[in-house]
């Protein structure tokens, strides 16, 4: 199941940060790339097993909320 998808020029960096966050929480994941011929990067996805999807989504929601709170 895909828990993150981006086509931005920072997609690779974003995906690697998310991968690191998930793995540090014990959630296995992998990166997938689509349309890599397209510039600048195509589509970068972070995927997890279906059985880990809810935990992964909750972790990412919490990380975003914490980041937004720090920006205020």
Protein backbone atom coordinates (compact mmCIF):
# COMPACT_ATOMS: atom_id res chain seq x y z
CA UNK A 1 0.00 0.00 0.00
CA UNK A 2 1.28 3.48 -0.86
CA UNK A 3 1.56 5.84 2.12
CA UNK A 4 3.36 8.67 0.29
CA UNK A 5 3.58 9.84 -3.29
CA UNK A 6 5.30 12.90 -4.74
CA UNK A 7 6.33 14.32 -8.09
CA UNK A 8 8.10 17.37 -6.69
CA UNK A 9 11.73 18.09 -7.35
CA UNK A 10 12.37 17.08 -3.72
CA UNK A 11 10.49 13.79 -4.03
CA UNK A 12 13.53 11.58 -3.51
CA UNK A 13 14.58 13.46 -0.38
CA UNK A 14 11.04 13.48 1.03
CA UNK A 15 10.64 9.76 0.38
CA UNK A 16 13.98 8.91 1.99
CA UNK A 17 13.11 10.92 5.11
CA UNK A 18 9.75 9.14 5.35
CA UNK A 19 11.43 5.78 4.79
CA UNK A 20 13.86 6.53 7.62
CA UNK A 21 11.03 7.61 9.96
CA UNK A 22 9.01 4.47 9.26
CA UNK A 23 11.98 2.14 9.59
CA UNK A 24 13.04 3.76 12.88
CA UNK A 25 9.56 2.92 14.19
CA UNK A 26 9.96 -0.70 13.08
CA UNK A 27 7.68 -0.38 10.04
CA UNK A 28 9.22 -2.01 6.99
CA UNK A 29 8.84 -0.06 3.77
CA UNK A 30 10.33 0.36 0.33
CA UNK A 31 10.63 3.04 -2.32
CA UNK A 32 9.17 2.68 -5.78
CA UNK A 33 9.63 4.98 -8.72
CA UNK A 34 7.21 5.45 -11.61
CA UNK A 35 7.75 7.27 -14.89
CA UNK A 36 11.41 7.91 -14.08
CA UNK A 37 12.01 8.97 -17.67
CA UNK A 38 9.90 12.07 -17.05
CA UNK A 39 11.72 15.09 -15.72
CA UNK A 40 12.65 16.00 -13.11
CA UNK A 41 12.05 12.75 -11.17
CA UNK A 42 8.82 11.07 -12.15
CA UNK A 43 6.72 9.82 -9.26
CA UNK A 44 8.34 8.53 -6.05
CA UNK A 45 6.27 6.31 -3.75
CA UNK A 46 6.80 4.97 -0.24
CA UNK A 47 5.06 1.63 0.17
CA UNK A 48 4.31 -0.57 3.18
CA UNK A 49 2.62 -3.90 3.65
CA UNK A 50 -1.14 -3.64 3.94
CA UNK A 51 -0.90 -4.93 7.50
CA UNK A 52 1.28 -1.94 8.46
CA UNK A 53 -0.65 0.72 6.55
CA UNK A 54 -2.70 2.14 9.43
CA UNK A 55 0.33 2.36 11.75
CA UNK A 56 2.37 4.01 9.01
CA UNK A 57 -0.34 6.55 8.22
CA UNK A 58 -0.79 7.39 11.91
CA UNK A 59 2.96 7.87 12.35
CA UNK A 60 3.12 10.17 9.33
CA UNK A 61 0.08 12.18 10.50
CA UNK A 62 1.71 12.63 13.92
CA UNK A 63 5.02 13.67 12.34
CA UNK A 64 3.29 16.27 10.15
CA UNK A 65 1.30 17.64 13.10
CA UNK A 66 4.45 17.89 15.22
CA UNK A 67 6.32 19.66 12.42
CA UNK A 68 3.48 22.14 11.91
CA UNK A 69 3.33 22.85 15.66
CA UNK A 70 7.06 23.57 15.71
CA UNK A 71 6.67 26.07 12.84
CA UNK A 72 4.20 28.19 14.84
